[in-house]
Amino acid sequence: MGVLEDKSRARVFYKYLSKVYDQVNAFVFTEPMREEALELLGIDESDSVIDVGCGTGFGTEGLQTRTSDILGLDQSPHQMAKARDRLNERELLGFSMGDAENLPIKTDAFDAAWSSGSIEYWPNPEQGLAEMRRVVKPGGPVVVVGPYYPDSWIGRRIVDAIMLFYDEAEAEEMFQAAGFEETQHEVIGSKYKSNLAIVSIGVVPQD
């Protein structure tokens, strides 16, 4: 487990990173990448969506181009403050403090779930994915955007010590362990690097 796959450390980390998070994030998860991932989510204006680990609201902002029925959830008050500065909360379902691995949401509450830039900090990603599956209605999509495993062994050694980076095979293992049966994984990137992130789509099994 990486040093930031610990909730208390992650909260402290984001207390300071929140001040420059959007500037840093612009190099690793661009607006075109966000758009590509949102296309895979496949929602329309009638759908309700939970944004798990919404952070500063970058993903939420993209979701709002498709629907206003969005609940943003994060464990960091500092990141959420930035999200509230970015977006008009009254135009959404709102923002709420919460843990991705123990969502304070009733079962089958949403039509879809989205998470970007968050899973890499979860101590138990399978539990977080299972929680996202639980709160989405049967047949609904769950889309998670995470950092793709570096190509070099040196890069892999470095990131493994910090947080979760993964490839398609590990993504499939996590989704299967979380109870998904129908899955898809796409590697996306920018014009400078083709494999910056991995987008995983799981469909909540029908009862």
N, C-alpha and C. Protein backbone atom coordinates (compact mmCIF):
# COMPACT_ATOMS: atom_id res chain seq x y z
N MET A 1 0.84 -1.19 0.00
CA MET A 1 0.00 0.00 0.00
C MET A 1 0.88 1.25 0.00
N GLY A 2 0.58 2.21 -0.88
CA GLY A 2 1.33 3.45 -0.95
C GLY A 2 1.05 4.35 0.24
N VAL A 3 1.94 5.31 0.47
CA VAL A 3 1.81 6.15 1.65
C VAL A 3 0.53 6.98 1.65
N LEU A 4 0.00 7.29 0.47
CA LEU A 4 -1.22 8.09 0.40
C LEU A 4 -2.49 7.25 0.34
N GLU A 5 -2.35 5.92 0.34
CA GLU A 5 -3.52 5.06 0.43
C GLU A 5 -3.89 4.85 1.90
N ASP A 6 -3.94 5.94 2.59
CA ASP A 6 -4.28 6.01 4.00
C ASP A 6 -5.13 7.26 4.17
N LYS A 7 -6.31 7.11 4.72
CA LYS A 7 -7.27 8.20 4.72
C LYS A 7 -6.80 9.42 5.48
N SER A 8 -6.16 9.22 6.62
CA SER A 8 -5.71 10.37 7.40
C SER A 8 -4.58 11.11 6.69
N ARG A 9 -3.64 10.35 6.07
CA ARG A 9 -2.56 11.00 5.33
C ARG A 9 -3.11 11.72 4.10
N ALA A 10 -4.08 11.09 3.44
CA ALA A 10 -4.66 11.71 2.24
C ALA A 10 -5.36 13.02 2.58
N ARG A 11 -6.05 13.07 3.72
CA ARG A 11 -6.72 14.32 4.12
C ARG A 11 -5.71 15.43 4.35
N VAL A 12 -4.61 15.11 5.02
CA VAL A 12 -3.56 16.12 5.24
C VAL A 12 -2.94 16.54 3.91
N PHE A 13 -2.68 15.55 3.05
CA PHE A 13 -2.11 15.83 1.74
C PHE A 13 -2.98 16.80 0.96
N TYR A 14 -4.28 16.55 0.93
CA TYR A 14 -5.18 17.39 0.17
C TYR A 14 -5.42 18.74 0.82
N LYS A 15 -5.18 18.86 2.10
CA LYS A 15 -5.30 20.16 2.76
C LYS A 15 -4.38 21.17 2.09
N TYR A 16 -3.20 20.71 1.69
CA TYR A 16 -2.22 21.59 1.06
C TYR A 16 -2.29 21.53 -0.47
N LEU A 17 -2.54 20.33 -1.02
CA LEU A 17 -2.60 20.20 -2.47
C LEU A 17 -3.80 20.93 -3.06
N SER A 18 -4.88 21.07 -2.30
CA SER A 18 -6.09 21.71 -2.82
C SER A 18 -5.81 23.11 -3.38
N LYS A 19 -4.77 23.76 -2.86
CA LYS A 19 -4.46 25.13 -3.29
C LYS A 19 -3.96 25.16 -4.72
N VAL A 20 -3.32 24.07 -5.17
CA VAL A 20 -2.75 24.05 -6.52
C VAL A 20 -3.23 22.83 -7.32
N TYR A 21 -4.22 22.12 -6.80
CA TYR A 21 -4.63 20.86 -7.41
C TYR A 21 -5.04 21.02 -8.87
N ASP A 22 -5.83 22.02 -9.17
CA ASP A 22 -6.33 22.17 -10.54
C ASP A 22 -5.19 22.46 -11.52
N GLN A 23 -4.19 23.22 -11.09
CA GLN A 23 -3.06 23.50 -11.96
C GLN A 23 -2.25 22.23 -12.23
N VAL A 24 -2.05 21.41 -11.20
CA VAL A 24 -1.32 20.15 -11.37
C VAL A 24 -2.14 19.17 -12.21
N ASN A 25 -3.43 19.07 -11.91
CA ASN A 25 -4.30 18.11 -12.57
C ASN A 25 -4.40 18.37 -14.08
N ALA A 26 -4.22 19.62 -14.48
CA ALA A 26 -4.34 19.97 -15.90
C ALA A 26 -3.33 19.25 -16.77
N PHE A 27 -2.25 18.75 -16.17
CA PHE A 27 -1.22 18.05 -16.93
C PHE A 27 -1.48 16.55 -17.01
N VAL A 28 -2.32 16.01 -16.13
CA VAL A 28 -2.52 14.55 -16.09
C VAL A 28 -3.94 14.11 -16.42
N PHE A 29 -4.90 15.04 -16.33
CA PHE A 29 -6.28 14.72 -16.70
C PHE A 29 -6.89 15.96 -17.33
N THR A 30 -6.76 16.04 -18.64
CA THR A 30 -7.15 17.23 -19.38
C THR A 30 -8.65 17.24 -19.67
N GLU A 31 -9.14 18.37 -20.13
CA GLU A 31 -10.56 18.46 -20.49
C GLU A 31 -10.92 17.50 -21.62
N PRO A 32 -10.10 17.36 -22.68
CA PRO A 32 -10.43 16.36 -23.71
C PRO A 32 -10.47 14.93 -23.15
N MET A 33 -9.58 14.61 -22.22
CA MET A 33 -9.60 13.30 -21.59
C MET A 33 -10.89 13.12 -20.78
N ARG A 34 -11.27 14.16 -20.06
CA ARG A 34 -12.52 14.10 -19.30
C ARG A 34 -13.70 13.86 -20.22
N GLU A 35 -13.72 14.54 -21.36
CA GLU A 35 -14.82 14.39 -22.31
C GLU A 35 -14.87 12.97 -22.86
N GLU A 36 -13.71 12.41 -23.14
CA GLU A 36 -13.64 11.03 -23.66
C GLU A 36 -14.19 10.04 -22.63
N ALA A 37 -13.84 10.26 -21.37
CA ALA A 37 -14.33 9.38 -20.31
C ALA A 37 -15.84 9.55 -20.11
N LEU A 38 -16.32 10.78 -20.18
CA LEU A 38 -17.75 11.03 -19.99
C LEU A 38 -18.58 10.40 -21.10
N GLU A 39 -18.03 10.35 -22.30
CA GLU A 39 -18.74 9.69 -23.40
C GLU A 39 -18.97 8.22 -23.07
N LEU A 40 -18.01 7.61 -22.39
CA LEU A 40 -18.15 6.20 -22.02
C LEU A 40 -19.19 6.01 -20.91
N LEU A 41 -19.41 7.05 -20.10
CA LEU A 41 -20.45 6.97 -19.06
C LEU A 41 -21.83 6.90 -19.69
N GLY A 42 -22.04 7.67 -20.75
CA GLY A 42 -23.27 7.56 -21.53
C GLY A 42 -24.55 7.95 -20.82
N ILE A 43 -24.55 9.09 -20.12
CA ILE A 43 -25.75 9.54 -19.41
C ILE A 43 -26.44 10.64 -20.19
N ASP A 44 -27.70 10.93 -19.82
CA ASP A 44 -28.41 12.06 -20.40
C ASP A 44 -28.98 12.93 -19.29
N GLU A 45 -29.72 13.97 -19.65
CA GLU A 45 -30.14 14.99 -18.68
C GLU A 45 -31.15 14.47 -17.66
N SER A 46 -31.75 13.33 -17.90
CA SER A 46 -32.72 12.78 -16.95
C SER A 46 -32.06 11.88 -15.90
N ASP A 47 -30.77 11.61 -16.05
CA ASP A 47 -30.08 10.68 -15.15
C ASP A 47 -29.52 11.38 -13.92
N SER A 48 -29.58 10.69 -12.80
CA SER A 48 -28.94 11.17 -11.57
C SER A 48 -27.60 10.45 -11.41
N VAL A 49 -26.59 11.21 -10.95
CA VAL A 49 -25.23 10.68 -10.88
C VAL A 49 -24.60 11.06 -9.55
N ILE A 50 -23.88 10.13 -8.95
CA ILE A 50 -23.06 10.43 -7.79
C ILE A 50 -21.61 10.50 -8.25
N ASP A 51 -20.93 11.59 -7.88
CA ASP A 51 -19.52 11.78 -8.20
C ASP A 51 -18.72 11.46 -6.94
N VAL A 52 -18.14 10.27 -6.91
CA VAL A 52 -17.45 9.78 -5.71
C VAL A 52 -16.00 10.26 -5.72
N GLY A 53 -15.62 10.98 -4.67
CA GLY A 53 -14.29 11.59 -4.63
C GLY A 53 -14.23 12.75 -5.59
N CYS A 54 -15.20 13.66 -5.48
CA CYS A 54 -15.35 14.74 -6.46
C CYS A 54 -14.21 15.75 -6.42
N GLY A 55 -13.46 15.79 -5.32
CA GLY A 55 -12.32 16.70 -5.25
C GLY A 55 -12.71 18.14 -5.45
N THR A 56 -12.00 18.83 -6.34
CA THR A 56 -12.27 20.25 -6.59
C THR A 56 -13.40 20.48 -7.58
N GLY A 57 -14.03 19.40 -8.03
CA GLY A 57 -15.19 19.52 -8.91
C GLY A 57 -14.88 19.51 -10.39
N PHE A 58 -13.67 19.11 -10.77
CA PHE A 58 -13.33 19.08 -12.20
C PHE A 58 -14.20 18.07 -12.94
N GLY A 59 -14.35 16.88 -12.38
CA GLY A 59 -15.22 15.89 -13.00
C GLY A 59 -16.68 16.30 -12.92
N THR A 60 -17.06 16.87 -11.78
CA THR A 60 -18.45 17.33 -11.59
C THR A 60 -18.83 18.36 -12.64
N GLU A 61 -17.89 19.24 -12.95
CA GLU A 61 -18.11 20.27 -13.96
C GLU A 61 -18.41 19.65 -15.31
N GLY A 62 -17.68 18.58 -15.65
CA GLY A 62 -17.96 17.88 -16.90
C GLY A 62 -19.30 17.17 -16.88
N LEU A 63 -19.62 16.55 -15.75
CA LEU A 63 -20.92 15.89 -15.62
C LEU A 63 -22.07 16.87 -15.80
N GLN A 64 -21.88 18.11 -15.34
CA GLN A 64 -22.96 19.10 -15.40
C GLN A 64 -23.32 19.50 -16.82
N THR A 65 -22.45 19.22 -17.78
CA THR A 65 -22.80 19.49 -19.18
C THR A 65 -23.82 18.47 -19.69
N ARG A 66 -24.06 17.42 -18.91
CA ARG A 66 -24.98 16.37 -19.32
C ARG A 66 -26.22 16.27 -18.43
N THR A 67 -26.08 16.56 -17.15
CA THR A 67 -27.21 16.51 -16.22
C THR A 67 -26.92 17.42 -15.03
N SER A 68 -27.97 17.88 -14.38
CA SER A 68 -27.79 18.69 -13.16
C SER A 68 -28.07 17.88 -11.90
N ASP A 69 -28.54 16.65 -12.07
CA ASP A 69 -28.85 15.80 -10.92
C ASP A 69 -27.58 15.08 -10.46
N ILE A 70 -26.69 15.85 -9.84
CA ILE A 70 -25.37 15.33 -9.44
C ILE A 70 -25.15 15.59 -7.95
N LEU A 71 -24.71 14.56 -7.27
CA LEU A 71 -24.26 14.70 -5.89
C LEU A 71 -22.76 14.47 -5.86
N GLY A 72 -22.01 15.49 -5.43
CA GLY A 72 -20.57 15.36 -5.28
C GLY A 72 -20.22 14.96 -3.87
N LEU A 73 -19.38 13.96 -3.72
CA LEU A 73 -19.02 13.45 -2.40
C LEU A 73 -17.51 13.35 -2.28
N ASP A 74 -16.97 13.82 -1.14
CA ASP A 74 -15.53 13.75 -0.92
C ASP A 74 -15.25 13.74 0.57
N GLN A 75 -14.09 13.21 0.96
CA GLN A 75 -13.72 13.17 2.37
C GLN A 75 -12.89 14.40 2.78
N SER A 76 -12.46 15.21 1.81
CA SER A 76 -11.61 16.37 2.10
C SER A 76 -12.42 17.66 2.09
N PRO A 77 -12.55 18.33 3.24
CA PRO A 77 -13.27 19.61 3.25
C PRO A 77 -12.57 20.68 2.43
N HIS A 78 -11.26 20.58 2.30
CA HIS A 78 -10.52 21.58 1.55
C HIS A 78 -10.75 21.43 0.05
N GLN A 79 -10.77 20.19 -0.43
CA GLN A 79 -11.09 19.95 -1.83
C GLN A 79 -12.54 20.35 -2.13
N MET A 80 -13.46 20.02 -1.22
CA MET A 80 -14.86 20.34 -1.44
C MET A 80 -15.10 21.85 -1.45
N ALA A 81 -14.34 22.58 -0.68
CA ALA A 81 -14.46 24.04 -0.69
C ALA A 81 -14.12 24.58 -2.08
N LYS A 82 -13.12 23.98 -2.71
CA LYS A 82 -12.77 24.38 -4.07
C LYS A 82 -13.89 24.03 -5.05
N ALA A 83 -14.51 22.88 -4.85
CA ALA A 83 -15.63 22.49 -5.72
C ALA A 83 -16.78 23.48 -5.59
N ARG A 84 -17.04 23.91 -4.38
CA ARG A 84 -18.12 24.87 -4.17
C ARG A 84 -17.79 26.23 -4.77
N ASP A 85 -16.50 26.58 -4.82
CA ASP A 85 -16.09 27.81 -5.48
C ASP A 85 -16.24 27.69 -7.00
N ARG A 86 -16.01 26.49 -7.51
CA ARG A 86 -16.06 26.27 -8.96
C ARG A 86 -17.49 26.24 -9.49
N LEU A 87 -18.40 25.62 -8.73
CA LEU A 87 -19.75 25.34 -9.21
C LEU A 87 -20.81 25.97 -8.32
N ASN A 88 -21.96 26.25 -8.90
CA ASN A 88 -23.11 26.73 -8.13
C ASN A 88 -23.83 25.52 -7.56
N GLU A 89 -23.66 25.28 -6.27
CA GLU A 89 -24.21 24.10 -5.64
C GLU A 89 -25.74 24.02 -5.78
N ARG A 90 -26.39 25.17 -5.86
CA ARG A 90 -27.86 25.19 -5.96
C ARG A 90 -28.35 24.65 -7.29
N GLU A 91 -27.46 24.56 -8.28
CA GLU A 91 -27.84 24.00 -9.58
C GLU A 91 -27.67 22.48 -9.63
N LEU A 92 -27.14 21.91 -8.53
CA LEU A 92 -26.89 20.47 -8.45
C LEU A 92 -27.72 19.87 -7.32
N LEU A 93 -27.57 18.58 -7.11
CA LEU A 93 -28.15 17.97 -5.91
C LEU A 93 -27.39 18.41 -4.67
N GLY A 94 -26.12 18.82 -4.89
CA GLY A 94 -25.32 19.34 -3.78
C GLY A 94 -24.01 18.61 -3.61
N PHE A 95 -23.30 18.97 -2.52
CA PHE A 95 -22.05 18.32 -2.14
C PHE A 95 -22.19 17.78 -0.73
N SER A 96 -21.50 16.67 -0.47
CA SER A 96 -21.61 16.03 0.84
C SER A 96 -20.28 15.40 1.22
N MET A 97 -19.95 15.48 2.51
CA MET A 97 -18.77 14.78 3.01
C MET A 97 -19.08 13.29 3.08
N GLY A 98 -18.10 12.47 2.74
CA GLY A 98 -18.34 11.04 2.81
C GLY A 98 -17.13 10.23 2.39
N ASP A 99 -17.13 8.98 2.78
CA ASP A 99 -16.05 8.04 2.52
C ASP A 99 -16.45 7.14 1.35
N ALA A 100 -15.60 7.05 0.35
CA ALA A 100 -15.89 6.23 -0.83
C ALA A 100 -16.11 4.77 -0.48
N GLU A 101 -15.48 4.30 0.58
CA GLU A 101 -15.58 2.90 0.94
C GLU A 101 -16.75 2.60 1.88
N ASN A 102 -17.48 3.64 2.24
CA ASN A 102 -18.66 3.49 3.09
C ASN A 102 -19.63 4.63 2.76
N LEU A 103 -20.19 4.58 1.57
CA LEU A 103 -21.00 5.68 1.08
C LEU A 103 -22.26 5.89 1.94
N PRO A 104 -22.50 7.12 2.39
CA PRO A 104 -23.69 7.41 3.19
C PRO A 104 -24.93 7.60 2.31
N ILE A 105 -25.17 6.63 1.45
CA ILE A 105 -26.20 6.70 0.42
C ILE A 105 -26.99 5.41 0.44
N LYS A 106 -28.29 5.51 0.26
CA LYS A 106 -29.10 4.30 0.23
C LYS A 106 -28.87 3.52 -1.05
N THR A 107 -29.18 2.24 -1.02
CA THR A 107 -29.01 1.34 -2.16
C THR A 107 -29.91 1.74 -3.32
N ASP A 108 -29.39 1.61 -4.55
CA ASP A 108 -30.14 1.89 -5.78
C ASP A 108 -30.64 3.34 -5.84
N ALA A 109 -29.86 4.27 -5.32
CA ALA A 109 -30.31 5.67 -5.25
C ALA A 109 -30.04 6.46 -6.53
N PHE A 110 -29.06 6.02 -7.35
CA PHE A 110 -28.65 6.80 -8.52
C PHE A 110 -28.72 5.97 -9.79
N ASP A 111 -28.81 6.69 -10.92
CA ASP A 111 -28.81 6.02 -12.22
C ASP A 111 -27.41 5.66 -12.68
N ALA A 112 -26.40 6.39 -12.18
CA ALA A 112 -25.02 6.16 -12.60
C ALA A 112 -24.07 6.67 -11.52
N ALA A 113 -22.84 6.20 -11.59
CA ALA A 113 -21.79 6.67 -10.67
C ALA A 113 -20.53 6.97 -11.46
N TRP A 114 -19.84 8.00 -11.00
CA TRP A 114 -18.61 8.46 -11.65
C TRP A 114 -17.56 8.71 -10.57
N SER A 115 -16.32 8.44 -10.89
CA SER A 115 -15.22 8.79 -10.00
C SER A 115 -13.98 9.04 -10.84
N SER A 116 -13.33 10.18 -10.64
CA SER A 116 -12.10 10.47 -11.37
C SER A 116 -11.06 11.05 -10.42
N GLY A 117 -9.86 10.51 -10.49
CA GLY A 117 -8.77 11.01 -9.65
C GLY A 117 -8.94 10.72 -8.18
N SER A 118 -9.60 9.62 -7.85
CA SER A 118 -9.87 9.32 -6.44
C SER A 118 -9.46 7.90 -6.05
N ILE A 119 -9.70 6.92 -6.91
CA ILE A 119 -9.48 5.52 -6.54
C ILE A 119 -8.05 5.25 -6.11
N GLU A 120 -7.11 6.02 -6.63
CA GLU A 120 -5.70 5.78 -6.29
C GLU A 120 -5.38 6.03 -4.82
N TYR A 121 -6.31 6.69 -4.10
CA TYR A 121 -6.11 6.97 -2.68
C TYR A 121 -6.91 6.04 -1.76
N TRP A 122 -7.71 5.14 -2.34
CA TRP A 122 -8.55 4.28 -1.51
C TRP A 122 -7.73 3.11 -0.97
N PRO A 123 -7.72 2.89 0.35
CA PRO A 123 -7.02 1.74 0.91
C PRO A 123 -7.55 0.40 0.40
N ASN A 124 -8.87 0.34 0.15
CA ASN A 124 -9.50 -0.88 -0.33
C ASN A 124 -10.36 -0.54 -1.55
N PRO A 125 -9.73 -0.47 -2.74
CA PRO A 125 -10.49 -0.06 -3.92
C PRO A 125 -11.65 -0.98 -4.27
N GLU A 126 -11.50 -2.29 -4.00
CA GLU A 126 -12.61 -3.20 -4.29
C GLU A 126 -13.84 -2.85 -3.47
N GLN A 127 -13.64 -2.45 -2.21
CA GLN A 127 -14.75 -2.05 -1.36
C GLN A 127 -15.41 -0.77 -1.90
N GLY A 128 -14.58 0.18 -2.33
CA GLY A 128 -15.14 1.40 -2.91
C GLY A 128 -15.95 1.12 -4.16
N LEU A 129 -15.45 0.24 -5.01
CA LEU A 129 -16.18 -0.13 -6.22
C LEU A 129 -17.48 -0.85 -5.88
N ALA A 130 -17.44 -1.72 -4.88
CA ALA A 130 -18.65 -2.42 -4.46
C ALA A 130 -19.69 -1.44 -3.92
N GLU A 131 -19.23 -0.40 -3.24
CA GLU A 131 -20.15 0.63 -2.74
C GLU A 131 -20.77 1.42 -3.90
N MET A 132 -19.98 1.73 -4.91
CA MET A 132 -20.53 2.42 -6.07
C MET A 132 -21.56 1.54 -6.76
N ARG A 133 -21.27 0.25 -6.87
CA ARG A 133 -22.23 -0.69 -7.47
C ARG A 133 -23.52 -0.72 -6.65
N ARG A 134 -23.38 -0.69 -5.33
CA ARG A 134 -24.56 -0.78 -4.46
C ARG A 134 -25.51 0.40 -4.64
N VAL A 135 -24.97 1.61 -4.81
CA VAL A 135 -25.83 2.80 -4.82
C VAL A 135 -26.39 3.11 -6.21
N VAL A 136 -25.98 2.33 -7.23
CA VAL A 136 -26.49 2.53 -8.59
C VAL A 136 -27.54 1.47 -8.91
N LYS A 137 -28.58 1.89 -9.58
CA LYS A 137 -29.67 0.99 -9.94
C LYS A 137 -29.17 -0.11 -10.88
N PRO A 138 -29.76 -1.30 -10.82
CA PRO A 138 -29.38 -2.39 -11.73
C PRO A 138 -29.42 -1.94 -13.19
N GLY A 139 -28.37 -2.29 -13.91
CA GLY A 139 -28.27 -1.91 -15.31
C GLY A 139 -27.56 -0.60 -15.54
N GLY A 140 -27.30 0.15 -14.45
CA GLY A 140 -26.66 1.45 -14.58
C GLY A 140 -25.15 1.36 -14.66
N PRO A 141 -24.50 2.38 -15.23
CA PRO A 141 -23.05 2.35 -15.40
C PRO A 141 -22.30 2.93 -14.20
N VAL A 142 -21.14 2.37 -13.95
CA VAL A 142 -20.19 2.89 -12.98
C VAL A 142 -18.89 3.13 -13.73
N VAL A 143 -18.43 4.37 -13.77
CA VAL A 143 -17.20 4.71 -14.49
C VAL A 143 -16.17 5.26 -13.52
N VAL A 144 -14.97 4.70 -13.58
CA VAL A 144 -13.88 5.12 -12.71
C VAL A 144 -12.67 5.46 -13.57
N VAL A 145 -12.13 6.65 -13.35
CA VAL A 145 -10.92 7.08 -14.04
C VAL A 145 -9.77 7.08 -13.04
N GLY A 146 -8.75 6.29 -13.33
CA GLY A 146 -7.59 6.20 -12.44
C GLY A 146 -6.30 6.37 -13.21
N PRO A 147 -5.17 6.48 -12.51
CA PRO A 147 -3.88 6.67 -13.18
C PRO A 147 -3.34 5.36 -13.75
N TYR A 148 -2.86 5.43 -14.97
CA TYR A 148 -2.35 4.22 -15.64
C TYR A 148 -0.92 3.93 -15.18
N TYR A 149 -0.62 2.64 -15.07
CA TYR A 149 0.69 2.19 -14.60
C TYR A 149 1.80 2.67 -15.54
N PRO A 150 2.88 3.27 -15.01
CA PRO A 150 3.97 3.75 -15.88
C PRO A 150 4.61 2.64 -16.70
N ASP A 151 5.23 3.03 -17.80
CA ASP A 151 5.87 2.06 -18.67
C ASP A 151 7.19 1.54 -18.09
N SER A 152 7.94 2.41 -17.43
CA SER A 152 9.27 2.02 -16.95
C SER A 152 9.20 1.38 -15.57
N TRP A 153 10.15 0.50 -15.30
CA TRP A 153 10.17 -0.16 -13.98
C TRP A 153 10.53 0.83 -12.89
N ILE A 154 11.33 1.85 -13.21
CA ILE A 154 11.65 2.87 -12.21
C ILE A 154 10.39 3.64 -11.84
N GLY A 155 9.63 4.03 -12.85
CA GLY A 155 8.37 4.74 -12.59
C GLY A 155 7.41 3.91 -11.77
N ARG A 156 7.37 2.62 -12.03
CA ARG A 156 6.47 1.73 -11.29
C ARG A 156 6.90 1.61 -9.83
N ARG A 157 8.20 1.54 -9.60
CA ARG A 157 8.69 1.46 -8.22
C ARG A 157 8.31 2.72 -7.45
N ILE A 158 8.41 3.85 -8.11
CA ILE A 158 8.12 5.13 -7.45
C ILE A 158 6.63 5.24 -7.11
N VAL A 159 5.78 4.99 -8.10
CA VAL A 159 4.35 5.18 -7.86
C VAL A 159 3.79 4.14 -6.90
N ASP A 160 4.35 2.92 -6.92
CA ASP A 160 3.88 1.89 -6.00
C ASP A 160 4.09 2.28 -4.55
N ALA A 161 5.09 3.10 -4.31
CA ALA A 161 5.38 3.55 -2.95
C ALA A 161 4.48 4.70 -2.51
N ILE A 162 3.75 5.28 -3.46
CA ILE A 162 2.96 6.47 -3.14
C ILE A 162 1.46 6.19 -3.12
N MET A 163 0.95 5.60 -4.20
CA MET A 163 -0.49 5.38 -4.33
C MET A 163 -0.74 4.30 -5.38
N LEU A 164 -1.99 4.03 -5.66
CA LEU A 164 -2.37 2.98 -6.59
C LEU A 164 -2.32 3.46 -8.04
N PHE A 165 -1.50 2.83 -8.84
CA PHE A 165 -1.52 2.94 -10.29
C PHE A 165 -1.79 1.53 -10.80
N TYR A 166 -2.48 1.38 -11.93
CA TYR A 166 -2.84 0.02 -12.37
C TYR A 166 -3.05 -0.05 -13.87
N ASP A 167 -3.07 -1.27 -14.38
CA ASP A 167 -3.30 -1.50 -15.80
C ASP A 167 -4.64 -2.20 -16.01
N GLU A 168 -4.91 -2.62 -17.25
CA GLU A 168 -6.20 -3.21 -17.57
C GLU A 168 -6.46 -4.49 -16.79
N ALA A 169 -5.44 -5.32 -16.65
CA ALA A 169 -5.63 -6.59 -15.95
C ALA A 169 -5.99 -6.37 -14.49
N GLU A 170 -5.31 -5.45 -13.83
CA GLU A 170 -5.62 -5.19 -12.43
C GLU A 170 -6.98 -4.52 -12.29
N ALA A 171 -7.32 -3.65 -13.23
CA ALA A 171 -8.64 -3.02 -13.21
C ALA A 171 -9.74 -4.08 -13.30
N GLU A 172 -9.54 -5.05 -14.19
CA GLU A 172 -10.53 -6.11 -14.34
C GLU A 172 -10.65 -6.93 -13.06
N GLU A 173 -9.53 -7.22 -12.43
CA GLU A 173 -9.56 -7.97 -11.16
C GLU A 173 -10.35 -7.21 -10.09
N MET A 174 -10.13 -5.91 -10.00
CA MET A 174 -10.82 -5.11 -8.99
C MET A 174 -12.33 -5.07 -9.25
N PHE A 175 -12.71 -4.88 -10.49
CA PHE A 175 -14.14 -4.81 -10.81
C PHE A 175 -14.82 -6.16 -10.61
N GLN A 176 -14.15 -7.23 -10.99
CA GLN A 176 -14.73 -8.55 -10.77
C GLN A 176 -14.89 -8.83 -9.28
N ALA A 177 -13.89 -8.46 -8.48
CA ALA A 177 -13.96 -8.66 -7.03
C ALA A 177 -15.07 -7.83 -6.40
N ALA A 178 -15.42 -6.72 -7.04
CA ALA A 178 -16.48 -5.85 -6.53
C ALA A 178 -17.87 -6.29 -6.99
N GLY A 179 -17.95 -7.36 -7.77
CA GLY A 179 -19.24 -7.90 -8.16
C GLY A 179 -19.73 -7.51 -9.53
N PHE A 180 -18.88 -6.90 -10.35
CA PHE A 180 -19.27 -6.55 -11.71
C PHE A 180 -19.01 -7.73 -12.64
N GLU A 181 -19.89 -7.89 -13.60
CA GLU A 181 -19.74 -8.97 -14.58
C GLU A 181 -19.46 -8.43 -15.98
N GLU A 182 -20.10 -7.31 -16.30
CA GLU A 182 -19.93 -6.70 -17.62
C GLU A 182 -19.03 -5.47 -17.47
N THR A 183 -17.81 -5.54 -18.03
CA THR A 183 -16.83 -4.49 -17.83
C THR A 183 -16.13 -4.13 -19.13
N GLN A 184 -15.48 -2.96 -19.11
CA GLN A 184 -14.71 -2.47 -20.25
C GLN A 184 -13.63 -1.55 -19.70
N HIS A 185 -12.46 -1.57 -20.30
CA HIS A 185 -11.36 -0.73 -19.83
C HIS A 185 -10.69 -0.06 -21.03
N GLU A 186 -10.55 1.26 -20.96
CA GLU A 186 -9.96 2.04 -22.04
C GLU A 186 -8.81 2.88 -21.49
N VAL A 187 -7.68 2.86 -22.16
CA VAL A 187 -6.54 3.70 -21.79
C VAL A 187 -6.61 4.99 -22.60
N ILE A 188 -6.52 6.13 -21.92
CA ILE A 188 -6.61 7.42 -22.58
C ILE A 188 -5.41 8.28 -22.20
N GLY A 189 -5.18 9.33 -22.99
CA GLY A 189 -4.07 10.22 -22.71
C GLY A 189 -4.21 11.54 -23.43
N SER A 190 -3.15 12.32 -23.36
CA SER A 190 -3.12 13.63 -24.00
C SER A 190 -2.28 13.56 -25.27
N LYS A 191 -2.11 14.70 -25.93
CA LYS A 191 -1.28 14.73 -27.14
C LYS A 191 0.20 14.54 -26.81
N TYR A 192 0.55 14.66 -25.53
CA TYR A 192 1.94 14.50 -25.12
C TYR A 192 2.24 13.08 -24.64
N LYS A 193 1.24 12.40 -24.09
CA LYS A 193 1.44 11.03 -23.59
C LYS A 193 0.14 10.27 -23.75
N SER A 194 0.20 9.13 -24.41
CA SER A 194 -1.02 8.43 -24.81
C SER A 194 -1.64 7.58 -23.72
N ASN A 195 -0.90 7.31 -22.63
CA ASN A 195 -1.44 6.40 -21.61
C ASN A 195 -1.32 7.01 -20.20
N LEU A 196 -1.98 8.12 -20.01
CA LEU A 196 -1.97 8.79 -18.71
C LEU A 196 -2.98 8.21 -17.74
N ALA A 197 -4.11 7.76 -18.26
CA ALA A 197 -5.20 7.32 -17.38
C ALA A 197 -5.89 6.09 -17.95
N ILE A 198 -6.58 5.39 -17.08
CA ILE A 198 -7.39 4.25 -17.50
C ILE A 198 -8.83 4.49 -17.06
N VAL A 199 -9.74 4.33 -18.00
CA VAL A 199 -11.17 4.49 -17.74
C VAL A 199 -11.80 3.11 -17.70
N SER A 200 -12.40 2.78 -16.58
CA SER A 200 -13.05 1.48 -16.41
C SER A 200 -14.56 1.67 -16.29
N ILE A 201 -15.29 0.86 -17.02
CA ILE A 201 -16.75 0.94 -17.02
C ILE A 201 -17.30 -0.41 -16.57
N GLY A 202 -18.12 -0.37 -15.55
CA GLY A 202 -18.80 -1.56 -15.10
C GLY A 202 -20.31 -1.33 -15.10
N VAL A 203 -21.04 -2.32 -15.52
CA VAL A 203 -22.50 -2.24 -15.52
C VAL A 203 -23.02 -3.00 -14.31
N VAL A 204 -23.87 -2.34 -13.51
CA VAL A 204 -24.42 -2.99 -12.31
C VAL A 204 -25.28 -4.16 -12.75
N PRO A 205 -25.02 -5.35 -12.24
CA PRO A 205 -25.79 -6.53 -12.65
C PRO A 205 -27.28 -6.37 -12.36
N GLN A 206 -28.10 -6.91 -13.26
CA GLN A 206 -29.54 -6.93 -13.04
C GLN A 206 -29.89 -7.93 -11.94
N ASP A 207 -30.91 -7.64 -11.18
CA ASP A 207 -31.35 -8.55 -10.11
C ASP A 207 -31.82 -9.88 -10.70
